[in-house]
Amino acid sequence: MTEALSDTFTVRFFARLREELGVEEMTLKAEPGLTTGRVLEQLASRGGPWSQLKNGQPVMIAVNQAMAKEATAVNAGDELAFFPPVTGG
């Protein structure tokens, strides 16, 4: 069973994204040359509330708990996190 998951990565959603999308975590298949931006595009193409990932409010991205840009590579075993920008007061 571990072998079947060896080519996947985890995507986690936080705060309003988790609430609006109705999902906390999912596992997706890693592909050669995959970037965080491409993952956002693939998820946004699902339509409905998912489209906000590319066309809505800004989304912050972390890969393996480090802030990332849309050009950051995504590899098997990685953990991506998408969350709204954090503001303080």
PDB file of N, CA and C in Angstrom:
ATOM      1  N   MET A   1       0.817  -1.187   0.000  1.00  0.00           N
ATOM      2  CA  MET A   1       0.000   0.000   0.000  1.00  0.00           C
ATOM      3  C   MET A   1       0.864   1.255   0.000  1.00  0.00           C
ATOM      4  N   THR A   2       1.987   1.242   0.685  1.00  0.00           N
ATOM      5  CA  THR A   2       2.888   2.394   0.692  1.00  0.00           C
ATOM      6  C   THR A   2       3.364   2.712  -0.713  1.00  0.00           C
ATOM      7  N   GLU A   3       3.634   1.686  -1.493  1.00  0.00           N
ATOM      8  CA  GLU A   3       4.106   1.885  -2.862  1.00  0.00           C
ATOM      9  C   GLU A   3       3.092   2.662  -3.699  1.00  0.00           C
ATOM     10  N   ALA A   4       1.815   2.388  -3.510  1.00  0.00           N
ATOM     11  CA  ALA A   4       0.780   3.076  -4.281  1.00  0.00           C
ATOM     12  C   ALA A   4       0.728   4.561  -3.945  1.00  0.00           C
ATOM     13  N   LEU A   5       1.114   4.925  -2.727  1.00  0.00           N
ATOM     14  CA  LEU A   5       1.070   6.320  -2.312  1.00  0.00           C
ATOM     15  C   LEU A   5       2.382   7.042  -2.556  1.00  0.00           C
ATOM     16  N   SER A   6       3.400   6.338  -3.036  1.00  0.00           N
ATOM     17  CA  SER A   6       4.728   6.934  -3.176  1.00  0.00           C
ATOM     18  C   SER A   6       4.781   8.018  -4.247  1.00  0.00           C
ATOM     19  N   ASP A   7       3.820   8.088  -5.132  1.00  0.00           N
ATOM     20  CA  ASP A   7       3.833   9.118  -6.175  1.00  0.00           C
ATOM     21  C   ASP A   7       2.760  10.178  -5.930  1.00  0.00           C
ATOM     22  N   THR A   8       2.399  10.363  -4.670  1.00  0.00           N
ATOM     23  CA  THR A   8       1.359  11.331  -4.334  1.00  0.00           C
ATOM     24  C   THR A   8       1.897  12.421  -3.410  1.00  0.00           C
ATOM     25  N   PHE A   9       1.100  13.467  -3.272  1.00  0.00           N
ATOM     26  CA  PHE A   9       1.393  14.528  -2.317  1.00  0.00           C
ATOM     27  C   PHE A   9       0.083  14.929  -1.649  1.00  0.00           C
ATOM     28  N   THR A  10       0.191  15.585  -0.519  1.00  0.00           N
ATOM     29  CA  THR A  10      -0.972  15.984   0.266  1.00  0.00           C
ATOM     30  C   THR A  10      -1.238  17.471   0.091  1.00  0.00           C
ATOM     31  N   VAL A  11      -2.501  17.821  -0.039  1.00  0.00           N
ATOM     32  CA  VAL A  11      -2.916  19.225  -0.106  1.00  0.00           C
ATOM     33  C   VAL A  11      -3.826  19.479   1.088  1.00  0.00           C
ATOM     34  N   ARG A  12      -3.514  20.532   1.844  1.00  0.00           N
ATOM     35  CA  ARG A  12      -4.318  20.902   3.006  1.00  0.00           C
ATOM     36  C   ARG A  12      -4.858  22.319   2.821  1.00  0.00           C
ATOM     37  N   PHE A  13      -6.068  22.530   3.315  1.00  0.00           N
ATOM     38  CA  PHE A  13      -6.725  23.830   3.220  1.00  0.00           C
ATOM     39  C   PHE A  13      -7.021  24.334   4.629  1.00  0.00           C
ATOM     40  N   PHE A  14      -6.834  25.643   4.836  1.00  0.00           N
ATOM     41  CA  PHE A  14      -7.013  26.219   6.159  1.00  0.00           C
ATOM     42  C   PHE A  14      -7.980  27.403   6.130  1.00  0.00           C
ATOM     43  N   ALA A  15      -8.524  27.708   7.308  1.00  0.00           N
ATOM     44  CA  ALA A  15      -9.370  28.876   7.542  1.00  0.00           C
ATOM     45  C   ALA A  15     -10.561  28.901   6.576  1.00  0.00           C
ATOM     46  N   ARG A  16     -10.833  30.062   5.973  1.00  0.00           N
ATOM     47  CA  ARG A  16     -12.025  30.202   5.128  1.00  0.00           C
ATOM     48  C   ARG A  16     -11.986  29.267   3.929  1.00  0.00           C
ATOM     49  N   LEU A  17     -10.795  28.926   3.422  1.00  0.00           N
ATOM     50  CA  LEU A  17     -10.727  28.012   2.276  1.00  0.00           C
ATOM     51  C   LEU A  17     -11.293  26.646   2.648  1.00  0.00           C
ATOM     52  N   ARG A  18     -10.915  26.148   3.803  1.00  0.00           N
ATOM     53  CA  ARG A  18     -11.432  24.853   4.259  1.00  0.00           C
ATOM     54  C   ARG A  18     -12.951  24.918   4.380  1.00  0.00           C
ATOM     55  N   GLU A  19     -13.462  26.015   4.932  1.00  0.00           N
ATOM     56  CA  GLU A  19     -14.910  26.154   5.110  1.00  0.00           C
ATOM     57  C   GLU A  19     -15.634  26.264   3.775  1.00  0.00           C
ATOM     58  N   GLU A  20     -15.128  27.096   2.875  1.00  0.00           N
ATOM     59  CA  GLU A  20     -15.805  27.337   1.600  1.00  0.00           C
ATOM     60  C   GLU A  20     -15.694  26.155   0.642  1.00  0.00           C
ATOM     61  N   LEU A  21     -14.578  25.434   0.687  1.00  0.00           N
ATOM     62  CA  LEU A  21     -14.395  24.294  -0.209  1.00  0.00           C
ATOM     63  C   LEU A  21     -14.987  23.016   0.367  1.00  0.00           C
ATOM     64  N   GLY A  22     -15.194  23.000   1.678  1.00  0.00           N
ATOM     65  CA  GLY A  22     -15.777  21.825   2.318  1.00  0.00           C
ATOM     66  C   GLY A  22     -14.832  20.646   2.411  1.00  0.00           C
ATOM     67  N   VAL A  23     -13.533  20.916   2.382  1.00  0.00           N
ATOM     68  CA  VAL A  23     -12.546  19.843   2.483  1.00  0.00           C
ATOM     69  C   VAL A  23     -11.338  20.357   3.264  1.00  0.00           C
ATOM     70  N   GLU A  24     -10.795  19.498   4.091  1.00  0.00           N
ATOM     71  CA  GLU A  24      -9.624  19.869   4.880  1.00  0.00           C
ATOM     72  C   GLU A  24      -8.340  19.382   4.221  1.00  0.00           C
ATOM     73  N   GLU A  25      -8.392  18.192   3.638  1.00  0.00           N
ATOM     74  CA  GLU A  25      -7.178  17.585   3.093  1.00  0.00           C
ATOM     75  C   GLU A  25      -7.524  16.654   1.940  1.00  0.00           C
ATOM     76  N   MET A  26      -6.619  16.566   0.972  1.00  0.00           N
ATOM     77  CA  MET A  26      -6.779  15.615  -0.124  1.00  0.00           C
ATOM     78  C   MET A  26      -5.408  15.130  -0.571  1.00  0.00           C
ATOM     79  N   THR A  27      -5.386  14.008  -1.240  1.00  0.00           N
ATOM     80  CA  THR A  27      -4.157  13.447  -1.775  1.00  0.00           C
ATOM     81  C   THR A  27      -4.254  13.463  -3.292  1.00  0.00           C
ATOM     82  N   LEU A  28      -3.218  13.988  -3.942  1.00  0.00           N
ATOM     83  CA  LEU A  28      -3.183  14.068  -5.400  1.00  0.00           C
ATOM     84  C   LEU A  28      -1.932  13.378  -5.930  1.00  0.00           C
ATOM     85  N   LYS A  29      -1.972  13.039  -7.198  1.00  0.00           N
ATOM     86  CA  LYS A  29      -0.841  12.368  -7.839  1.00  0.00           C
ATOM     87  C   LYS A  29       0.196  13.393  -8.291  1.00  0.00           C
ATOM     88  N   ALA A  30       1.443  13.135  -7.951  1.00  0.00           N
ATOM     89  CA  ALA A  30       2.546  13.999  -8.382  1.00  0.00           C
ATOM     90  C   ALA A  30       2.916  13.657  -9.822  1.00  0.00           C
ATOM     91  N   GLU A  31       3.246  14.683 -10.595  1.00  0.00           N
ATOM     92  CA  GLU A  31       3.638  14.508 -11.994  1.00  0.00           C
ATOM     93  C   GLU A  31       4.945  15.248 -12.220  1.00  0.00           C
ATOM     94  N   PRO A  32       5.770  14.792 -13.149  1.00  0.00           N
ATOM     95  CA  PRO A  32       7.021  15.505 -13.434  1.00  0.00           C
ATOM     96  C   PRO A  32       6.749  16.952 -13.841  1.00  0.00           C
ATOM     97  N   GLY A  33       7.525  17.873 -13.304  1.00  0.00           N
ATOM     98  CA  GLY A  33       7.393  19.279 -13.665  1.00  0.00           C
ATOM     99  C   GLY A  33       6.244  20.010 -13.001  1.00  0.00           C
ATOM    100  N   LEU A  34       5.559  19.367 -12.069  1.00  0.00           N
ATOM    101  CA  LEU A  34       4.407  19.981 -11.407  1.00  0.00           C
ATOM    102  C   LEU A  34       4.858  21.123 -10.497  1.00  0.00           C
ATOM    103  N   THR A  35       4.097  22.226 -10.512  1.00  0.00           N
ATOM    104  CA  THR A  35       4.369  23.375  -9.647  1.00  0.00           C
ATOM    105  C   THR A  35       3.132  23.685  -8.811  1.00  0.00           C
ATOM    106  N   THR A  36       3.324  24.500  -7.796  1.00  0.00           N
ATOM    107  CA  THR A  36       2.184  24.895  -6.969  1.00  0.00           C
ATOM    108  C   THR A  36       1.160  25.667  -7.795  1.00  0.00           C
ATOM    109  N   GLY A  37       1.626  26.472  -8.735  1.00  0.00           N
ATOM    110  CA  GLY A  37       0.720  27.214  -9.606  1.00  0.00           C
ATOM    111  C   GLY A  37      -0.138  26.291 -10.448  1.00  0.00           C
ATOM    112  N   ARG A  38       0.463  25.217 -10.931  1.00  0.00           N
ATOM    113  CA  ARG A  38      -0.288  24.248 -11.740  1.00  0.00           C
ATOM    114  C   ARG A  38      -1.321  23.517 -10.875  1.00  0.00           C
ATOM    115  N   VAL A  39      -0.952  23.207  -9.638  1.00  0.00           N
ATOM    116  CA  VAL A  39      -1.917  22.581  -8.728  1.00  0.00           C
ATOM    117  C   VAL A  39      -3.105  23.519  -8.511  1.00  0.00           C
ATOM    118  N   LEU A  40      -2.831  24.804  -8.296  1.00  0.00           N
ATOM    119  CA  LEU A  40      -3.910  25.785  -8.140  1.00  0.00           C
ATOM    120  C   LEU A  40      -4.812  25.803  -9.371  1.00  0.00           C
ATOM    121  N   GLU A  41      -4.211  25.792 -10.558  1.00  0.00           N
ATOM    122  CA  GLU A  41      -4.995  25.797 -11.799  1.00  0.00           C
ATOM    123  C   GLU A  41      -5.868  24.554 -11.900  1.00  0.00           C
ATOM    124  N   GLN A  42      -5.297  23.396 -11.590  1.00  0.00           N
ATOM    125  CA  GLN A  42      -6.054  22.148 -11.670  1.00  0.00           C
ATOM    126  C   GLN A  42      -7.234  22.154 -10.699  1.00  0.00           C
ATOM    127  N   LEU A  43      -6.992  22.622  -9.485  1.00  0.00           N
ATOM    128  CA  LEU A  43      -8.073  22.677  -8.503  1.00  0.00           C
ATOM    129  C   LEU A  43      -9.122  23.709  -8.902  1.00  0.00           C
ATOM    130  N   ALA A  44      -8.691  24.875  -9.373  1.00  0.00           N
ATOM    131  CA  ALA A  44      -9.621  25.934  -9.785  1.00  0.00           C
ATOM    132  C   ALA A  44     -10.502  25.483 -10.945  1.00  0.00           C
ATOM    133  N   SER A  45      -9.978  24.604 -11.793  1.00  0.00           N
ATOM    134  CA  SER A  45     -10.744  24.143 -12.960  1.00  0.00           C
ATOM    135  C   SER A  45     -11.938  23.274 -12.556  1.00  0.00           C
ATOM    136  N   ARG A  46     -12.035  22.893 -11.303  1.00  0.00           N
ATOM    137  CA  ARG A  46     -13.194  22.139 -10.824  1.00  0.00           C
ATOM    138  C   ARG A  46     -14.449  23.005 -10.810  1.00  0.00           C
ATOM    139  N   GLY A  47     -14.265  24.330 -10.882  1.00  0.00           N
ATOM    140  CA  GLY A  47     -15.397  25.255 -10.912  1.00  0.00           C
ATOM    141  C   GLY A  47     -16.000  25.495  -9.541  1.00  0.00           C
ATOM    142  N   GLY A  48     -17.109  26.196  -9.541  1.00  0.00           N
ATOM    143  CA  GLY A  48     -17.785  26.522  -8.287  1.00  0.00           C
ATOM    144  C   GLY A  48     -16.847  27.240  -7.330  1.00  0.00           C
ATOM    145  N   PRO A  49     -16.903  26.895  -6.052  1.00  0.00           N
ATOM    146  CA  PRO A  49     -16.055  27.585  -5.074  1.00  0.00           C
ATOM    147  C   PRO A  49     -14.565  27.368  -5.321  1.00  0.00           C
ATOM    148  N   TRP A  50     -14.209  26.316  -6.043  1.00  0.00           N
ATOM    149  CA  TRP A  50     -12.805  26.034  -6.333  1.00  0.00           C
ATOM    150  C   TRP A  50     -12.178  27.113  -7.203  1.00  0.00           C
ATOM    151  N   SER A  51     -12.979  27.781  -8.027  1.00  0.00           N
ATOM    152  CA  SER A  51     -12.427  28.787  -8.940  1.00  0.00           C
ATOM    153  C   SER A  51     -11.786  29.952  -8.198  1.00  0.00           C
ATOM    154  N   GLN A  52     -12.165  30.169  -6.943  1.00  0.00           N
ATOM    155  CA  GLN A  52     -11.567  31.254  -6.162  1.00  0.00           C
ATOM    156  C   GLN A  52     -10.068  31.061  -5.943  1.00  0.00           C
ATOM    157  N   LEU A  53      -9.574  29.847  -6.101  1.00  0.00           N
ATOM    158  CA  LEU A  53      -8.149  29.609  -5.889  1.00  0.00           C
ATOM    159  C   LEU A  53      -7.288  30.353  -6.902  1.00  0.00           C
ATOM    160  N   LYS A  54      -7.827  30.636  -8.071  1.00  0.00           N
ATOM    161  CA  LYS A  54      -7.074  31.391  -9.082  1.00  0.00           C
ATOM    162  C   LYS A  54      -7.694  32.745  -9.384  1.00  0.00           C
ATOM    163  N   ASN A  55      -8.979  32.905  -9.167  1.00  0.00           N
ATOM    164  CA  ASN A  55      -9.666  34.125  -9.591  1.00  0.00           C
ATOM    165  C   ASN A  55     -10.301  34.906  -8.450  1.00  0.00           C
ATOM    166  N   GLY A  56     -10.091  34.478  -7.232  1.00  0.00           N
ATOM    167  CA  GLY A  56     -10.734  35.143  -6.103  1.00  0.00           C
ATOM    168  C   GLY A  56      -9.740  35.921  -5.276  1.00  0.00           C
ATOM    169  N   GLN A  57      -9.943  35.869  -3.996  1.00  0.00           N
ATOM    170  CA  GLN A  57      -9.057  36.554  -3.069  1.00  0.00           C
ATOM    171  C   GLN A  57      -7.684  35.876  -3.065  1.00  0.00           C
ATOM    172  N   PRO A  58      -6.652  36.627  -2.668  1.00  0.00           N
ATOM    173  CA  PRO A  58      -5.298  36.048  -2.662  1.00  0.00           C
ATOM    174  C   PRO A  58      -5.217  34.791  -1.794  1.00  0.00           C
ATOM    175  N   VAL A  59      -4.361  33.881  -2.209  1.00  0.00           N
ATOM    176  CA  VAL A  59      -4.143  32.631  -1.495  1.00  0.00           C
ATOM    177  C   VAL A  59      -2.648  32.505  -1.219  1.00  0.00           C
ATOM    178  N   MET A  60      -2.310  32.180   0.013  1.00  0.00           N
ATOM    179  CA  MET A  60      -0.922  31.932   0.385  1.00  0.00           C
ATOM    180  C   MET A  60      -0.645  30.442   0.202  1.00  0.00           C
ATOM    181  N   ILE A  61       0.610  30.132  -0.112  1.00  0.00           N
ATOM    182  CA  ILE A  61       0.997  28.751  -0.383  1.00  0.00           C
ATOM    183  C   ILE A  61       2.205  28.398   0.475  1.00  0.00           C
ATOM    184  N   ALA A  62       2.184  27.207   1.047  1.00  0.00           N
ATOM    185  CA  ALA A  62       3.358  26.681   1.740  1.00  0.00           C
ATOM    186  C   ALA A  62       3.611  25.271   1.223  1.00  0.00           C
ATOM    187  N   VAL A  63       4.875  24.933   1.059  1.00  0.00           N
ATOM    188  CA  VAL A  63       5.272  23.579   0.692  1.00  0.00           C
ATOM    189  C   VAL A  63       6.169  23.075   1.814  1.00  0.00           C
ATOM    190  N   ASN A  64       5.753  21.983   2.423  1.00  0.00           N
ATOM    191  CA  ASN A  64       6.495  21.411   3.545  1.00  0.00           C
ATOM    192  C   ASN A  64       6.763  22.458   4.623  1.00  0.00           C
ATOM    193  N   GLN A  65       5.747  23.251   4.905  1.00  0.00           N
ATOM    194  CA  GLN A  65       5.725  24.269   5.951  1.00  0.00           C
ATOM    195  C   GLN A  65       6.668  25.446   5.703  1.00  0.00           C
ATOM    196  N   ALA A  66       7.056  25.659   4.457  1.00  0.00           N
ATOM    197  CA  ALA A  66       7.853  26.831   4.077  1.00  0.00           C
ATOM    198  C   ALA A  66       7.070  27.607   3.027  1.00  0.00           C
ATOM    199  N   MET A  67       7.000  28.915   3.183  1.00  0.00           N
ATOM    200  CA  MET A  67       6.270  29.741   2.224  1.00  0.00           C
ATOM    201  C   MET A  67       6.815  29.502   0.816  1.00  0.00           C
ATOM    202  N   ALA A  68       5.904  29.484  -0.156  1.00  0.00           N
ATOM    203  CA  ALA A  68       6.273  29.148  -1.528  1.00  0.00           C
ATOM    204  C   ALA A  68       5.593  30.092  -2.509  1.00  0.00           C
ATOM    205  N   LYS A  69       6.117  30.114  -3.718  1.00  0.00           N
ATOM    206  CA  LYS A  69       5.536  30.879  -4.822  1.00  0.00           C
ATOM    207  C   LYS A  69       4.893  29.895  -5.794  1.00  0.00           C
ATOM    208  N   GLU A  70       4.177  30.429  -6.786  1.00  0.00           N
ATOM    209  CA  GLU A  70       3.487  29.552  -7.739  1.00  0.00           C
ATOM    210  C   GLU A  70       4.440  28.757  -8.626  1.00  0.00           C
ATOM    211  N   ALA A  71       5.698  29.146  -8.692  1.00  0.00           N
ATOM    212  CA  ALA A  71       6.672  28.418  -9.511  1.00  0.00           C
ATOM    213  C   ALA A  71       7.396  27.327  -8.724  1.00  0.00           C
ATOM    214  N   THR A  72       7.052  27.148  -7.457  1.00  0.00           N
ATOM    215  CA  THR A  72       7.715  26.151  -6.621  1.00  0.00           C
ATOM    216  C   THR A  72       7.351  24.749  -7.080  1.00  0.00           C
ATOM    217  N   ALA A  73       8.345  23.889  -7.197  1.00  0.00           N
ATOM    218  CA  ALA A  73       8.132  22.506  -7.623  1.00  0.00           C
ATOM    219  C   ALA A  73       7.370  21.728  -6.558  1.00  0.00           C
ATOM    220  N   VAL A  74       6.550  20.794  -7.019  1.00  0.00           N
ATOM    221  CA  VAL A  74       5.808  19.896  -6.140  1.00  0.00           C
ATOM    222  C   VAL A  74       6.266  18.481  -6.455  1.00  0.00           C
ATOM    223  N   ASN A  75       6.710  17.782  -5.421  1.00  0.00           N
ATOM    224  CA  ASN A  75       7.228  16.425  -5.596  1.00  0.00           C
ATOM    225  C   ASN A  75       6.430  15.436  -4.758  1.00  0.00           C
ATOM    226  N   ALA A  76       6.552  14.173  -5.095  1.00  0.00           N
ATOM    227  CA  ALA A  76       5.911  13.122  -4.320  1.00  0.00           C
ATOM    228  C   ALA A  76       6.350  13.240  -2.868  1.00  0.00           C
ATOM    229  N   GLY A  77       5.405  13.061  -1.964  1.00  0.00           N
ATOM    230  CA  GLY A  77       5.681  13.135  -0.539  1.00  0.00           C
ATOM    231  C   GLY A  77       5.553  14.523   0.052  1.00  0.00           C
ATOM    232  N   ASP A  78       5.426  15.549  -0.787  1.00  0.00           N
ATOM    233  CA  ASP A  78       5.304  16.922  -0.294  1.00  0.00           C
ATOM    234  C   ASP A  78       3.947  17.150   0.363  1.00  0.00           C
ATOM    235  N   GLU A  79       3.905  18.185   1.196  1.00  0.00           N
ATOM    236  CA  GLU A  79       2.649  18.661   1.763  1.00  0.00           C
ATOM    237  C   GLU A  79       2.460  20.106   1.329  1.00  0.00           C
ATOM    238  N   LEU A  80       1.393  20.374   0.581  1.00  0.00           N
ATOM    239  CA  LEU A  80       1.040  21.738   0.189  1.00  0.00           C
ATOM    240  C   LEU A  80      -0.033  22.235   1.137  1.00  0.00           C
ATOM    241  N   ALA A  81       0.059  23.499   1.486  1.00  0.00           N
ATOM    242  CA  ALA A  81      -0.968  24.122   2.313  1.00  0.00           C
ATOM    243  C   ALA A  81      -1.414  25.399   1.630  1.00  0.00           C
ATOM    244  N   PHE A  82      -2.713  25.587   1.509  1.00  0.00           N
ATOM    245  CA  PHE A  82      -3.295  26.797   0.945  1.00  0.00           C
ATOM    246  C   PHE A  82      -4.104  27.470   2.044  1.00  0.00           C
ATOM    247  N   PHE A  83      -3.883  28.777   2.214  1.00  0.00           N
ATOM    248  CA  PHE A  83      -4.588  29.509   3.256  1.00  0.00           C
ATOM    249  C   PHE A  83      -4.676  30.975   2.879  1.00  0.00           C
ATOM    250  N   PRO A  84      -5.671  31.679   3.427  1.00  0.00           N
ATOM    251  CA  PRO A  84      -5.797  33.105   3.127  1.00  0.00           C
ATOM    252  C   PRO A  84      -4.661  33.874   3.793  1.00  0.00           C
ATOM    253  N   PRO A  85      -4.333  35.044   3.255  1.00  0.00           N
ATOM    254  CA  PRO A  85      -3.296  35.868   3.884  1.00  0.00           C
ATOM    255  C   PRO A  85      -3.663  36.169   5.339  1.00  0.00           C
ATOM    256  N   VAL A  86      -2.662  36.176   6.172  1.00  0.00           N
ATOM    257  CA  VAL A  86      -2.860  36.433   7.595  1.00  0.00           C
ATOM    258  C   VAL A  86      -2.669  37.920   7.858  1.00  0.00           C
ATOM    259  N   THR A  87      -3.576  38.487   8.613  1.00  0.00           N
ATOM    260  CA  THR A  87      -3.443  39.897   8.988  1.00  0.00           C
ATOM    261  C   THR A  87      -3.440  39.993  10.501  1.00  0.00           C
ATOM    262  N   GLY A  88      -2.814  41.003  10.976  1.00  0.00           N
ATOM    263  CA  GLY A  88      -2.744  41.197  12.425  1.00  0.00           C
ATOM    264  C   GLY A  88      -3.335  42.533  12.812  1.00  0.00           C
ATOM    265  N   GLY A  89      -3.396  42.760  14.077  1.00  0.00           N
ATOM    266  CA  GLY A  89      -3.981  44.011  14.497  1.00  0.00           C
ATOM    267  C   GLY A  89      -3.460  44.474  15.822  1.00  0.00           C
TER     268      GLY A  89
END
